[in-house]
Amino acid sequence: MTLLHYQPPTTPFLNVLYEDSQLLVVDKAAGILSVPGKRPEHKDSVYTRVQRAHPDIRVVHRLDMATSGILLLAKTKAAQSHLNRQFQNRTTNKKYMARVWGKPPAQQGEIELPLSCDWPNRPRQHMDFFTGKPSTTFYRVIEFDGCCSRVELIPHTGRSHQLRVHMQAIGCPILGDKFYAHSDAFSAAERLLLHAEYLSVSHPQTEQPIAFYSPVPF
């Protein structure tokens, strides 16, 4: 993947929502990589910025560069392993907010469409009914303004670009999506209007539920 003109935002440099001896939660801005890319000019990322103050910080999950919102990192190997199991076993709770083109076919519903990488056009993903991995997204329409809808999205699986492909598949691409939106939907926003608003996990040390919230910036 080539990132043309990669200029990640620097204000704020890093917005920390929560921190303790095990966890660090960042409110990721749109336009910055979660982890560094392979090329030297793509080194700047949330991970490398956090690493300046916490050299032993560990990745737990990622958000697309264009997506904003809650990004969770671990401070110890044990915490990382504990959290990784939760993501793998799908015991975390995640909620995203998005603005999409048009109005979904129902006020709420589930999208179940298998996905795989579109290798000739990677990092794009596409529907694949032969070798694709099962993928499920719950959606709920919050409001419709006559042109676009604000929707709540809850992924029950964690495939790459899942929310973006699923919304495109029902005719409601996310505004500002350079990979999956048609020209009108793409030009309707200056950025991808997808935000990781809420995440809850079991704390790796106390085993108690802990939740994080990031206000939607659009």
N, C-alpha and C. Protein backbone atom coordinates (compact mmCIF):
# COMPACT_ATOMS: atom_id res chain seq x y z
N MET A 1 0.84 -1.19 0.00
CA MET A 1 0.00 0.00 0.00
C MET A 1 0.88 1.24 0.00
N THR A 2 0.55 2.19 -0.83
CA THR A 2 1.28 3.45 -0.87
C THR A 2 0.43 4.54 -0.23
N LEU A 3 1.00 5.24 0.74
CA LEU A 3 0.32 6.35 1.38
C LEU A 3 0.85 7.64 0.77
N LEU A 4 0.09 8.21 -0.13
CA LEU A 4 0.53 9.43 -0.79
C LEU A 4 0.35 10.61 0.16
N HIS A 5 1.41 11.43 0.27
CA HIS A 5 1.34 12.64 1.07
C HIS A 5 0.90 12.35 2.51
N TYR A 6 1.54 11.41 3.15
CA TYR A 6 1.20 11.07 4.52
C TYR A 6 1.62 12.20 5.44
N GLN A 7 0.64 12.90 5.97
CA GLN A 7 0.88 14.03 6.87
C GLN A 7 -0.03 13.89 8.08
N PRO A 8 0.33 13.04 9.02
CA PRO A 8 -0.52 12.82 10.19
C PRO A 8 -0.66 14.08 11.02
N PRO A 9 -1.82 14.27 11.63
CA PRO A 9 -2.04 15.47 12.44
C PRO A 9 -1.10 15.51 13.65
N THR A 10 -0.72 16.70 14.04
CA THR A 10 0.20 16.85 15.18
C THR A 10 -0.43 17.60 16.34
N THR A 11 -1.66 18.07 16.16
CA THR A 11 -2.36 18.78 17.23
C THR A 11 -3.74 18.16 17.43
N PRO A 12 -3.99 17.50 18.57
CA PRO A 12 -3.01 17.22 19.62
C PRO A 12 -2.04 16.14 19.18
N PHE A 13 -0.85 16.16 19.75
CA PHE A 13 0.16 15.16 19.41
C PHE A 13 -0.29 13.78 19.86
N LEU A 14 -0.91 13.72 21.05
CA LEU A 14 -1.42 12.47 21.59
C LEU A 14 -2.49 12.80 22.61
N ASN A 15 -3.67 12.24 22.46
CA ASN A 15 -4.78 12.50 23.37
C ASN A 15 -5.06 11.24 24.18
N VAL A 16 -4.55 11.20 25.40
CA VAL A 16 -4.70 10.02 26.26
C VAL A 16 -6.01 10.13 27.04
N LEU A 17 -6.88 9.13 26.88
CA LEU A 17 -8.16 9.11 27.56
C LEU A 17 -8.07 8.45 28.93
N TYR A 18 -7.19 7.45 29.04
CA TYR A 18 -7.11 6.69 30.30
C TYR A 18 -5.74 6.03 30.38
N GLU A 19 -5.23 5.93 31.61
CA GLU A 19 -3.95 5.26 31.80
C GLU A 19 -3.87 4.69 33.21
N ASP A 20 -3.39 3.44 33.33
CA ASP A 20 -3.06 2.87 34.62
C ASP A 20 -1.82 1.99 34.44
N SER A 21 -1.55 1.12 35.38
CA SER A 21 -0.32 0.33 35.32
C SER A 21 -0.35 -0.73 34.22
N GLN A 22 -1.55 -1.03 33.69
CA GLN A 22 -1.70 -2.09 32.70
C GLN A 22 -2.10 -1.59 31.32
N LEU A 23 -2.85 -0.51 31.28
CA LEU A 23 -3.49 -0.05 30.04
C LEU A 23 -3.14 1.39 29.72
N LEU A 24 -3.24 1.70 28.43
CA LEU A 24 -3.21 3.08 27.98
C LEU A 24 -4.20 3.19 26.83
N VAL A 25 -5.11 4.14 26.94
CA VAL A 25 -6.17 4.31 25.94
C VAL A 25 -6.02 5.68 25.30
N VAL A 26 -5.94 5.68 23.98
CA VAL A 26 -5.73 6.90 23.21
C VAL A 26 -6.97 7.21 22.39
N ASP A 27 -7.29 8.49 22.29
CA ASP A 27 -8.32 8.95 21.35
C ASP A 27 -7.60 9.26 20.04
N LYS A 28 -7.59 8.29 19.15
CA LYS A 28 -6.83 8.41 17.90
C LYS A 28 -7.49 9.42 16.96
N ALA A 29 -6.67 10.27 16.37
CA ALA A 29 -7.17 11.20 15.36
C ALA A 29 -7.27 10.51 14.01
N ALA A 30 -8.15 10.99 13.16
CA ALA A 30 -8.20 10.50 11.78
C ALA A 30 -6.93 10.96 11.06
N GLY A 31 -6.38 10.10 10.22
CA GLY A 31 -5.23 10.50 9.41
C GLY A 31 -3.89 10.04 9.92
N ILE A 32 -3.86 9.35 11.05
CA ILE A 32 -2.59 8.82 11.56
C ILE A 32 -2.68 7.30 11.65
N LEU A 33 -1.60 6.62 11.32
CA LEU A 33 -1.55 5.17 11.41
C LEU A 33 -1.58 4.73 12.87
N SER A 34 -2.20 3.57 13.12
CA SER A 34 -2.17 3.00 14.46
C SER A 34 -0.78 2.50 14.80
N VAL A 35 -0.14 1.85 13.83
CA VAL A 35 1.22 1.33 13.99
C VAL A 35 2.03 1.79 12.79
N PRO A 36 3.35 1.83 12.90
CA PRO A 36 4.14 2.34 11.78
C PRO A 36 4.06 1.48 10.54
N GLY A 37 4.15 2.12 9.37
CA GLY A 37 4.22 1.40 8.12
C GLY A 37 5.64 0.93 7.85
N LYS A 38 5.85 0.27 6.72
CA LYS A 38 7.16 -0.30 6.40
C LYS A 38 8.16 0.75 5.92
N ARG A 39 7.67 1.80 5.30
CA ARG A 39 8.58 2.81 4.75
C ARG A 39 8.97 3.82 5.84
N PRO A 40 10.17 4.38 5.75
CA PRO A 40 10.63 5.33 6.77
C PRO A 40 9.69 6.52 6.95
N GLU A 41 9.12 7.00 5.86
CA GLU A 41 8.23 8.16 5.95
C GLU A 41 6.88 7.84 6.58
N HIS A 42 6.64 6.55 6.84
CA HIS A 42 5.38 6.14 7.47
C HIS A 42 5.61 5.68 8.91
N LYS A 43 6.73 6.09 9.49
CA LYS A 43 7.05 5.65 10.85
C LYS A 43 6.16 6.31 11.89
N ASP A 44 5.78 7.54 11.67
CA ASP A 44 4.95 8.26 12.64
C ASP A 44 3.60 7.55 12.79
N SER A 45 3.24 7.23 14.01
CA SER A 45 2.00 6.50 14.29
C SER A 45 1.63 6.71 15.74
N VAL A 46 0.43 6.29 16.11
CA VAL A 46 0.05 6.35 17.52
C VAL A 46 1.03 5.53 18.36
N TYR A 47 1.36 4.34 17.88
CA TYR A 47 2.27 3.46 18.62
C TYR A 47 3.63 4.12 18.86
N THR A 48 4.23 4.68 17.82
CA THR A 48 5.56 5.28 18.00
C THR A 48 5.51 6.54 18.86
N ARG A 49 4.40 7.26 18.82
CA ARG A 49 4.28 8.43 19.69
C ARG A 49 4.17 8.00 21.15
N VAL A 50 3.37 6.97 21.42
CA VAL A 50 3.24 6.48 22.79
C VAL A 50 4.57 5.90 23.27
N GLN A 51 5.28 5.26 22.36
CA GLN A 51 6.53 4.58 22.70
C GLN A 51 7.60 5.55 23.23
N ARG A 52 7.49 6.82 22.90
CA ARG A 52 8.46 7.80 23.39
C ARG A 52 8.43 7.87 24.92
N ALA A 53 7.24 7.78 25.48
CA ALA A 53 7.09 7.83 26.94
C ALA A 53 7.03 6.45 27.57
N HIS A 54 6.62 5.46 26.78
CA HIS A 54 6.45 4.09 27.28
C HIS A 54 7.13 3.13 26.31
N PRO A 55 8.44 2.93 26.43
CA PRO A 55 9.18 2.12 25.46
C PRO A 55 8.69 0.68 25.33
N ASP A 56 8.04 0.15 26.37
CA ASP A 56 7.59 -1.24 26.35
C ASP A 56 6.12 -1.38 25.97
N ILE A 57 5.51 -0.33 25.45
CA ILE A 57 4.09 -0.38 25.10
C ILE A 57 3.84 -1.45 24.03
N ARG A 58 2.66 -2.06 24.09
CA ARG A 58 2.35 -3.18 23.20
C ARG A 58 1.01 -2.96 22.50
N VAL A 59 0.96 -3.39 21.25
CA VAL A 59 -0.25 -3.23 20.44
C VAL A 59 -1.28 -4.29 20.84
N VAL A 60 -2.54 -3.89 20.93
CA VAL A 60 -3.63 -4.83 21.20
C VAL A 60 -4.53 -4.96 19.98
N HIS A 61 -4.90 -3.86 19.37
CA HIS A 61 -5.73 -3.87 18.17
C HIS A 61 -5.40 -2.63 17.36
N ARG A 62 -6.02 -2.49 16.22
CA ARG A 62 -5.73 -1.36 15.35
C ARG A 62 -7.02 -0.72 14.85
N LEU A 63 -6.90 0.53 14.46
CA LEU A 63 -7.94 1.22 13.70
C LEU A 63 -7.36 1.62 12.36
N ASP A 64 -8.20 1.65 11.33
CA ASP A 64 -7.75 2.14 10.03
C ASP A 64 -7.19 3.55 10.19
N MET A 65 -6.25 3.91 9.34
CA MET A 65 -5.66 5.24 9.41
C MET A 65 -6.73 6.33 9.35
N ALA A 66 -7.75 6.14 8.52
CA ALA A 66 -8.76 7.17 8.32
C ALA A 66 -9.81 7.21 9.42
N THR A 67 -9.84 6.20 10.29
CA THR A 67 -10.83 6.11 11.36
C THR A 67 -10.30 6.79 12.62
N SER A 68 -11.17 7.48 13.33
CA SER A 68 -10.80 8.09 14.60
C SER A 68 -11.42 7.31 15.75
N GLY A 69 -10.94 7.61 16.98
CA GLY A 69 -11.58 7.03 18.15
C GLY A 69 -10.68 6.21 19.04
N ILE A 70 -11.29 5.34 19.81
CA ILE A 70 -10.63 4.63 20.90
C ILE A 70 -9.65 3.58 20.40
N LEU A 71 -8.41 3.71 20.86
CA LEU A 71 -7.36 2.74 20.55
C LEU A 71 -6.72 2.31 21.87
N LEU A 72 -6.74 1.01 22.11
CA LEU A 72 -6.27 0.45 23.38
C LEU A 72 -4.88 -0.17 23.21
N LEU A 73 -3.98 0.14 24.13
CA LEU A 73 -2.64 -0.44 24.14
C LEU A 73 -2.36 -1.04 25.51
N ALA A 74 -1.43 -1.99 25.55
CA ALA A 74 -1.09 -2.66 26.81
C ALA A 74 0.31 -2.27 27.25
N LYS A 75 0.50 -2.20 28.57
CA LYS A 75 1.80 -1.81 29.11
C LYS A 75 2.69 -3.01 29.45
N THR A 76 2.10 -4.20 29.56
CA THR A 76 2.87 -5.39 29.89
C THR A 76 2.50 -6.52 28.94
N LYS A 77 3.38 -7.51 28.85
CA LYS A 77 3.12 -8.68 28.01
C LYS A 77 1.91 -9.45 28.51
N ALA A 78 1.77 -9.57 29.83
CA ALA A 78 0.62 -10.28 30.39
C ALA A 78 -0.68 -9.57 30.06
N ALA A 79 -0.69 -8.25 30.17
CA ALA A 79 -1.90 -7.48 29.83
C ALA A 79 -2.24 -7.62 28.36
N GLN A 80 -1.22 -7.59 27.51
CA GLN A 80 -1.45 -7.76 26.08
C GLN A 80 -2.07 -9.12 25.78
N SER A 81 -1.55 -10.18 26.37
CA SER A 81 -2.07 -11.52 26.14
C SER A 81 -3.52 -11.63 26.61
N HIS A 82 -3.80 -11.07 27.78
CA HIS A 82 -5.15 -11.09 28.33
C HIS A 82 -6.13 -10.38 27.41
N LEU A 83 -5.75 -9.21 26.93
CA LEU A 83 -6.62 -8.43 26.06
C LEU A 83 -6.75 -9.07 24.68
N ASN A 84 -5.66 -9.62 24.17
CA ASN A 84 -5.73 -10.30 22.87
C ASN A 84 -6.73 -11.44 22.90
N ARG A 85 -6.76 -12.19 23.99
CA ARG A 85 -7.72 -13.29 24.10
C ARG A 85 -9.15 -12.77 24.05
N GLN A 86 -9.38 -11.62 24.69
CA GLN A 86 -10.73 -11.05 24.68
C GLN A 86 -11.15 -10.67 23.26
N PHE A 87 -10.24 -10.07 22.51
CA PHE A 87 -10.57 -9.71 21.13
C PHE A 87 -10.77 -10.96 20.28
N GLN A 88 -9.92 -11.96 20.47
CA GLN A 88 -10.05 -13.19 19.69
C GLN A 88 -11.33 -13.95 20.02
N ASN A 89 -11.72 -13.93 21.31
CA ASN A 89 -12.93 -14.64 21.74
C ASN A 89 -14.18 -13.79 21.60
N ARG A 90 -14.03 -12.56 21.14
CA ARG A 90 -15.14 -11.64 20.89
C ARG A 90 -15.96 -11.36 22.15
N THR A 91 -15.24 -11.17 23.25
CA THR A 91 -15.91 -10.82 24.50
C THR A 91 -15.83 -9.33 24.80
N THR A 92 -15.17 -8.58 23.93
CA THR A 92 -15.16 -7.12 24.05
C THR A 92 -16.47 -6.57 23.48
N ASN A 93 -16.79 -5.35 23.85
CA ASN A 93 -17.95 -4.67 23.28
C ASN A 93 -17.46 -3.39 22.60
N LYS A 94 -17.77 -3.27 21.31
CA LYS A 94 -17.32 -2.12 20.52
C LYS A 94 -18.51 -1.45 19.85
N LYS A 95 -18.46 -0.15 19.79
CA LYS A 95 -19.51 0.59 19.09
C LYS A 95 -18.87 1.73 18.30
N TYR A 96 -19.29 1.85 17.06
CA TYR A 96 -18.81 2.90 16.17
C TYR A 96 -19.98 3.79 15.78
N MET A 97 -19.67 5.02 15.43
CA MET A 97 -20.66 5.91 14.83
C MET A 97 -20.16 6.31 13.45
N ALA A 98 -21.10 6.46 12.53
CA ALA A 98 -20.73 6.83 11.16
C ALA A 98 -21.84 7.67 10.55
N ARG A 99 -21.45 8.45 9.55
CA ARG A 99 -22.44 9.10 8.69
C ARG A 99 -22.32 8.46 7.32
N VAL A 100 -23.46 8.04 6.79
CA VAL A 100 -23.47 7.28 5.55
C VAL A 100 -24.39 7.94 4.53
N TRP A 101 -24.16 7.60 3.28
CA TRP A 101 -24.97 8.12 2.19
C TRP A 101 -26.32 7.41 2.17
N GLY A 102 -27.40 8.20 2.05
CA GLY A 102 -28.73 7.61 1.95
C GLY A 102 -29.23 7.07 3.28
N LYS A 103 -30.16 6.13 3.18
CA LYS A 103 -30.78 5.55 4.37
C LYS A 103 -30.80 4.03 4.24
N PRO A 104 -30.35 3.30 5.26
CA PRO A 104 -30.38 1.84 5.20
C PRO A 104 -31.80 1.32 5.00
N PRO A 105 -31.94 0.08 4.53
CA PRO A 105 -33.26 -0.46 4.19
C PRO A 105 -34.20 -0.65 5.37
N ALA A 106 -33.66 -0.69 6.59
CA ALA A 106 -34.49 -0.83 7.78
C ALA A 106 -33.92 0.07 8.88
N GLN A 107 -34.73 0.31 9.91
CA GLN A 107 -34.26 1.16 11.01
C GLN A 107 -33.09 0.52 11.74
N GLN A 108 -33.08 -0.79 11.77
CA GLN A 108 -31.94 -1.51 12.31
C GLN A 108 -31.90 -2.90 11.69
N GLY A 109 -30.74 -3.51 11.73
CA GLY A 109 -30.62 -4.83 11.13
C GLY A 109 -29.20 -5.37 11.24
N GLU A 110 -29.02 -6.57 10.73
CA GLU A 110 -27.70 -7.20 10.71
C GLU A 110 -27.28 -7.47 9.28
N ILE A 111 -26.01 -7.22 9.02
CA ILE A 111 -25.42 -7.50 7.71
C ILE A 111 -24.47 -8.67 7.89
N GLU A 112 -24.73 -9.75 7.17
CA GLU A 112 -23.88 -10.94 7.24
C GLU A 112 -23.36 -11.24 5.84
N LEU A 113 -22.15 -10.79 5.58
CA LEU A 113 -21.53 -10.98 4.27
C LEU A 113 -20.06 -11.34 4.47
N PRO A 114 -19.61 -12.46 3.89
CA PRO A 114 -18.21 -12.88 4.06
C PRO A 114 -17.26 -11.96 3.30
N LEU A 115 -16.09 -11.73 3.88
CA LEU A 115 -15.13 -10.79 3.31
C LEU A 115 -13.76 -11.43 3.14
N SER A 116 -13.06 -10.97 2.11
CA SER A 116 -11.66 -11.35 1.92
C SER A 116 -10.92 -10.19 1.29
N CYS A 117 -9.60 -10.29 1.28
CA CYS A 117 -8.79 -9.22 0.69
C CYS A 117 -8.90 -9.25 -0.83
N ASP A 118 -9.08 -8.08 -1.41
CA ASP A 118 -9.08 -7.92 -2.87
C ASP A 118 -7.62 -7.70 -3.28
N TRP A 119 -6.87 -8.79 -3.44
CA TRP A 119 -5.42 -8.72 -3.56
C TRP A 119 -4.91 -7.78 -4.65
N PRO A 120 -5.49 -7.79 -5.85
CA PRO A 120 -4.97 -6.86 -6.87
C PRO A 120 -5.15 -5.39 -6.48
N ASN A 121 -6.09 -5.14 -5.56
CA ASN A 121 -6.41 -3.76 -5.18
C ASN A 121 -6.24 -3.53 -3.68
N ARG A 122 -5.38 -4.32 -3.03
CA ARG A 122 -5.23 -4.18 -1.59
C ARG A 122 -4.73 -2.78 -1.23
N PRO A 123 -5.16 -2.21 -0.11
CA PRO A 123 -5.78 -2.91 1.03
C PRO A 123 -7.29 -3.07 0.94
N ARG A 124 -7.88 -2.84 -0.20
CA ARG A 124 -9.32 -3.01 -0.33
C ARG A 124 -9.73 -4.45 0.00
N GLN A 125 -10.92 -4.55 0.59
CA GLN A 125 -11.54 -5.85 0.85
C GLN A 125 -12.78 -5.96 -0.03
N HIS A 126 -13.28 -7.19 -0.20
CA HIS A 126 -14.52 -7.34 -0.98
C HIS A 126 -15.31 -8.53 -0.48
N MET A 127 -16.57 -8.58 -0.89
CA MET A 127 -17.41 -9.73 -0.56
C MET A 127 -16.90 -10.95 -1.31
N ASP A 128 -16.86 -12.07 -0.61
CA ASP A 128 -16.32 -13.29 -1.21
C ASP A 128 -17.09 -14.48 -0.63
N PHE A 129 -18.02 -15.01 -1.43
CA PHE A 129 -18.88 -16.09 -0.95
C PHE A 129 -18.23 -17.47 -1.09
N PHE A 130 -17.00 -17.52 -1.60
CA PHE A 130 -16.32 -18.80 -1.76
C PHE A 130 -15.26 -19.02 -0.67
N THR A 131 -14.39 -18.04 -0.49
CA THR A 131 -13.32 -18.21 0.49
C THR A 131 -13.31 -17.11 1.56
N GLY A 132 -14.29 -16.22 1.53
CA GLY A 132 -14.33 -15.13 2.50
C GLY A 132 -14.61 -15.60 3.91
N LYS A 133 -14.17 -14.81 4.89
CA LYS A 133 -14.41 -15.13 6.29
C LYS A 133 -15.77 -14.57 6.72
N PRO A 134 -16.52 -15.33 7.51
CA PRO A 134 -17.82 -14.83 7.98
C PRO A 134 -17.67 -13.49 8.69
N SER A 135 -18.57 -12.57 8.38
CA SER A 135 -18.47 -11.21 8.93
C SER A 135 -19.87 -10.70 9.22
N THR A 136 -20.07 -10.17 10.42
CA THR A 136 -21.40 -9.72 10.83
C THR A 136 -21.32 -8.34 11.46
N THR A 137 -22.20 -7.46 11.02
CA THR A 137 -22.29 -6.10 11.55
C THR A 137 -23.74 -5.78 11.90
N PHE A 138 -23.97 -5.27 13.10
CA PHE A 138 -25.29 -4.74 13.47
C PHE A 138 -25.30 -3.24 13.20
N TYR A 139 -26.41 -2.75 12.64
CA TYR A 139 -26.53 -1.30 12.43
C TYR A 139 -27.85 -0.80 13.00
N ARG A 140 -27.86 0.44 13.39
CA ARG A 140 -29.08 1.11 13.84
C ARG A 140 -29.04 2.55 13.37
N VAL A 141 -30.10 2.99 12.72
CA VAL A 141 -30.19 4.36 12.23
C VAL A 141 -30.53 5.29 13.39
N ILE A 142 -29.71 6.29 13.61
CA ILE A 142 -29.95 7.26 14.67
C ILE A 142 -30.77 8.43 14.15
N GLU A 143 -30.42 8.92 12.96
CA GLU A 143 -31.18 10.01 12.35
C GLU A 143 -30.93 10.03 10.85
N PHE A 144 -31.89 10.60 10.13
CA PHE A 144 -31.79 10.75 8.68
C PHE A 144 -32.15 12.18 8.34
N ASP A 145 -31.29 12.86 7.57
CA ASP A 145 -31.52 14.28 7.29
C ASP A 145 -32.05 14.55 5.89
N GLY A 146 -32.50 13.50 5.21
CA GLY A 146 -33.02 13.65 3.86
C GLY A 146 -32.01 13.30 2.80
N CYS A 147 -30.75 13.27 3.18
CA CYS A 147 -29.66 12.92 2.26
C CYS A 147 -28.78 11.82 2.83
N CYS A 148 -28.45 11.97 4.10
CA CYS A 148 -27.50 11.06 4.75
C CYS A 148 -28.04 10.62 6.10
N SER A 149 -27.47 9.55 6.61
CA SER A 149 -27.91 9.00 7.90
C SER A 149 -26.74 8.93 8.87
N ARG A 150 -27.07 9.15 10.13
CA ARG A 150 -26.12 8.86 11.22
C ARG A 150 -26.48 7.48 11.74
N VAL A 151 -25.51 6.59 11.77
CA VAL A 151 -25.79 5.21 12.17
C VAL A 151 -24.83 4.75 13.25
N GLU A 152 -25.35 3.89 14.11
CA GLU A 152 -24.54 3.19 15.10
C GLU A 152 -24.18 1.85 14.51
N LEU A 153 -22.91 1.48 14.61
CA LEU A 153 -22.43 0.23 14.02
C LEU A 153 -21.73 -0.60 15.10
N ILE A 154 -22.13 -1.86 15.20
CA ILE A 154 -21.52 -2.77 16.16
C ILE A 154 -21.00 -3.98 15.41
N PRO A 155 -19.69 -4.12 15.28
CA PRO A 155 -19.13 -5.28 14.58
C PRO A 155 -19.11 -6.50 15.51
N HIS A 156 -19.69 -7.60 15.05
CA HIS A 156 -19.63 -8.84 15.82
C HIS A 156 -18.41 -9.66 15.43
N THR A 157 -17.78 -9.29 14.33
CA THR A 157 -16.50 -9.85 13.92
C THR A 157 -15.56 -8.67 13.66
N GLY A 158 -14.29 -8.95 13.49
CA GLY A 158 -13.33 -7.85 13.37
C GLY A 158 -12.51 -7.90 12.10
N ARG A 159 -13.17 -8.04 10.96
CA ARG A 159 -12.44 -8.11 9.69
C ARG A 159 -11.96 -6.73 9.26
N SER A 160 -10.90 -6.72 8.49
CA SER A 160 -10.37 -5.47 7.96
C SER A 160 -11.42 -4.78 7.08
N HIS A 161 -11.63 -3.49 7.32
CA HIS A 161 -12.57 -2.67 6.55
C HIS A 161 -14.01 -3.19 6.61
N GLN A 162 -14.31 -4.01 7.61
CA GLN A 162 -15.63 -4.65 7.66
C GLN A 162 -16.79 -3.67 7.61
N LEU A 163 -16.76 -2.66 8.46
CA LEU A 163 -17.87 -1.71 8.50
C LEU A 163 -18.00 -0.95 7.19
N ARG A 164 -16.89 -0.64 6.59
CA ARG A 164 -16.88 0.14 5.35
C ARG A 164 -17.46 -0.66 4.19
N VAL A 165 -17.06 -1.92 4.08
CA VAL A 165 -17.57 -2.77 3.00
C VAL A 165 -19.03 -3.12 3.22
N HIS A 166 -19.41 -3.41 4.45
CA HIS A 166 -20.79 -3.78 4.73
C HIS A 166 -21.75 -2.63 4.46
N MET A 167 -21.37 -1.41 4.81
CA MET A 167 -22.27 -0.29 4.53
C MET A 167 -22.35 -0.02 3.03
N GLN A 168 -21.25 -0.18 2.33
CA GLN A 168 -21.31 -0.04 0.87
C GLN A 168 -22.22 -1.11 0.28
N ALA A 169 -22.19 -2.31 0.84
CA ALA A 169 -22.95 -3.43 0.29
C ALA A 169 -24.46 -3.21 0.37
N ILE A 170 -24.92 -2.41 1.35
CA ILE A 170 -26.35 -2.14 1.44
C ILE A 170 -26.70 -0.80 0.82
N GLY A 171 -25.77 -0.26 0.04
CA GLY A 171 -26.03 0.97 -0.71
C GLY A 171 -25.85 2.24 0.08
N CYS A 172 -25.17 2.15 1.23
CA CYS A 172 -24.99 3.32 2.10
C CYS A 172 -23.52 3.49 2.48
N PRO A 173 -22.66 3.82 1.52
CA PRO A 173 -21.24 3.97 1.84
C PRO A 173 -21.01 5.07 2.86
N ILE A 174 -19.97 4.89 3.66
CA ILE A 174 -19.62 5.91 4.65
C ILE A 174 -19.06 7.14 3.94
N LEU A 175 -19.50 8.29 4.37
CA LEU A 175 -19.07 9.54 3.73
C LEU A 175 -17.56 9.70 3.87
N GLY A 176 -16.93 10.18 2.79
CA GLY A 176 -15.50 10.42 2.80
C GLY A 176 -14.64 9.19 2.63
N ASP A 177 -15.24 8.06 2.27
CA ASP A 177 -14.48 6.82 2.13
C ASP A 177 -13.86 6.73 0.75
N LYS A 178 -12.53 6.87 0.68
CA LYS A 178 -11.86 6.90 -0.62
C LYS A 178 -11.79 5.53 -1.28
N PHE A 179 -12.01 4.46 -0.53
CA PHE A 179 -11.95 3.12 -1.11
C PHE A 179 -13.31 2.61 -1.58
N TYR A 180 -14.38 2.96 -0.86
CA TYR A 180 -15.66 2.29 -1.12
C TYR A 180 -16.82 3.23 -1.45
N ALA A 181 -16.65 4.52 -1.29
CA ALA A 181 -17.74 5.44 -1.57
C ALA A 181 -17.75 5.86 -3.04
N HIS A 182 -18.95 6.08 -3.58
CA HIS A 182 -19.04 6.68 -4.91
C HIS A 182 -18.67 8.16 -4.80
N SER A 183 -18.58 8.83 -5.92
CA SER A 183 -18.01 10.19 -5.94
C SER A 183 -18.80 11.17 -5.07
N ASP A 184 -20.13 11.08 -5.08
CA ASP A 184 -20.92 12.01 -4.27
C ASP A 184 -20.69 11.78 -2.78
N ALA A 185 -20.67 10.52 -2.38
CA ALA A 185 -20.46 10.19 -0.96
C ALA A 185 -19.05 10.54 -0.53
N PHE A 186 -18.08 10.31 -1.41
CA PHE A 186 -16.69 10.63 -1.07
C PHE A 186 -16.50 12.13 -0.88
N SER A 187 -17.08 12.92 -1.77
CA SER A 187 -16.88 14.37 -1.71
C SER A 187 -17.75 15.05 -0.66
N ALA A 188 -18.63 14.30 -0.01
CA ALA A 188 -19.52 14.89 0.99
C ALA A 188 -18.83 15.15 2.32
N ALA A 189 -17.61 14.66 2.49
CA ALA A 189 -16.88 14.88 3.75
C ALA A 189 -15.39 14.97 3.46
N GLU A 190 -14.68 15.72 4.30
CA GLU A 190 -13.24 15.89 4.12
C GLU A 190 -12.43 14.73 4.69
N ARG A 191 -13.09 13.87 5.45
CA ARG A 191 -12.43 12.71 6.04
C ARG A 191 -13.45 11.57 6.08
N LEU A 192 -12.97 10.37 6.36
CA LEU A 192 -13.87 9.25 6.57
C LEU A 192 -14.66 9.48 7.85
N LEU A 193 -15.98 9.51 7.74
CA LEU A 193 -16.81 9.79 8.91
C LEU A 193 -17.16 8.48 9.62
N LEU A 194 -16.14 7.90 10.22
CA LEU A 194 -16.26 6.67 11.00
C LEU A 194 -15.44 6.85 12.27
N HIS A 195 -16.09 6.60 13.43
CA HIS A 195 -15.45 6.90 14.71
C HIS A 195 -15.71 5.77 15.69
N ALA A 196 -14.63 5.27 16.30
CA ALA A 196 -14.74 4.24 17.35
C ALA A 196 -15.12 4.93 18.65
N GLU A 197 -16.40 4.91 18.97
CA GLU A 197 -16.94 5.72 20.06
C GLU A 197 -16.83 5.04 21.43
N TYR A 198 -16.96 3.72 21.47
CA TYR A 198 -17.10 3.02 22.75
C TYR A 198 -16.37 1.68 22.71
N LEU A 199 -15.70 1.35 23.80
CA LEU A 199 -15.05 0.04 23.93
C LEU A 199 -15.09 -0.37 25.39
N SER A 200 -15.52 -1.60 25.64
CA SER A 200 -15.45 -2.15 26.99
C SER A 200 -14.72 -3.48 26.96
N VAL A 201 -13.91 -3.70 27.97
CA VAL A 201 -13.12 -4.93 28.10
C VAL A 201 -13.12 -5.35 29.56
N SER A 202 -12.60 -6.53 29.82
CA SER A 202 -12.33 -6.96 31.18
C SER A 202 -10.90 -6.53 31.52
N HIS A 203 -10.75 -5.81 32.63
CA HIS A 203 -9.42 -5.31 32.98
C HIS A 203 -8.48 -6.49 33.22
N PRO A 204 -7.31 -6.48 32.62
CA PRO A 204 -6.41 -7.64 32.71
C PRO A 204 -5.89 -7.93 34.11
N GLN A 205 -5.96 -6.96 35.00
CA GLN A 205 -5.47 -7.19 36.37
C GLN A 205 -6.61 -7.50 37.33
N THR A 206 -7.69 -6.72 37.26
CA THR A 206 -8.79 -6.89 38.22
C THR A 206 -9.88 -7.82 37.72
N GLU A 207 -9.91 -8.08 36.43
CA GLU A 207 -10.96 -8.89 35.78
C GLU A 207 -12.33 -8.20 35.81
N GLN A 208 -12.36 -6.95 36.22
CA GLN A 208 -13.62 -6.21 36.25
C GLN A 208 -13.84 -5.49 34.93
N PRO A 209 -15.12 -5.32 34.54
CA PRO A 209 -15.39 -4.58 33.29
C PRO A 209 -14.91 -3.14 33.40
N ILE A 210 -14.36 -2.64 32.32
CA ILE A 210 -13.95 -1.25 32.25
C ILE A 210 -14.30 -0.74 30.86
N ALA A 211 -14.89 0.45 30.80
CA ALA A 211 -15.40 0.98 29.53
C ALA A 211 -14.77 2.34 29.24
N PHE A 212 -14.63 2.61 27.96
CA PHE A 212 -14.04 3.86 27.50
C PHE A 212 -14.96 4.48 26.45
N TYR A 213 -15.01 5.81 26.46
CA TYR A 213 -15.90 6.55 25.55
C TYR A 213 -15.13 7.71 24.94
N SER A 214 -15.34 7.92 23.65
CA SER A 214 -14.74 9.05 22.94
C SER A 214 -15.84 9.81 22.21
N PRO A 215 -16.02 11.09 22.48
CA PRO A 215 -17.07 11.87 21.81
C PRO A 215 -16.89 11.86 20.29
N VAL A 216 -17.99 11.76 19.58
CA VAL A 216 -17.95 11.74 18.12
C VAL A 216 -17.64 13.14 17.61
N PRO A 217 -16.62 13.32 16.78
CA PRO A 217 -16.21 14.65 16.34
C PRO A 217 -16.96 15.17 15.12
N PHE A 218 -17.99 14.46 14.67
CA PHE A 218 -18.74 14.92 13.50
C PHE A 218 -20.23 14.71 13.70
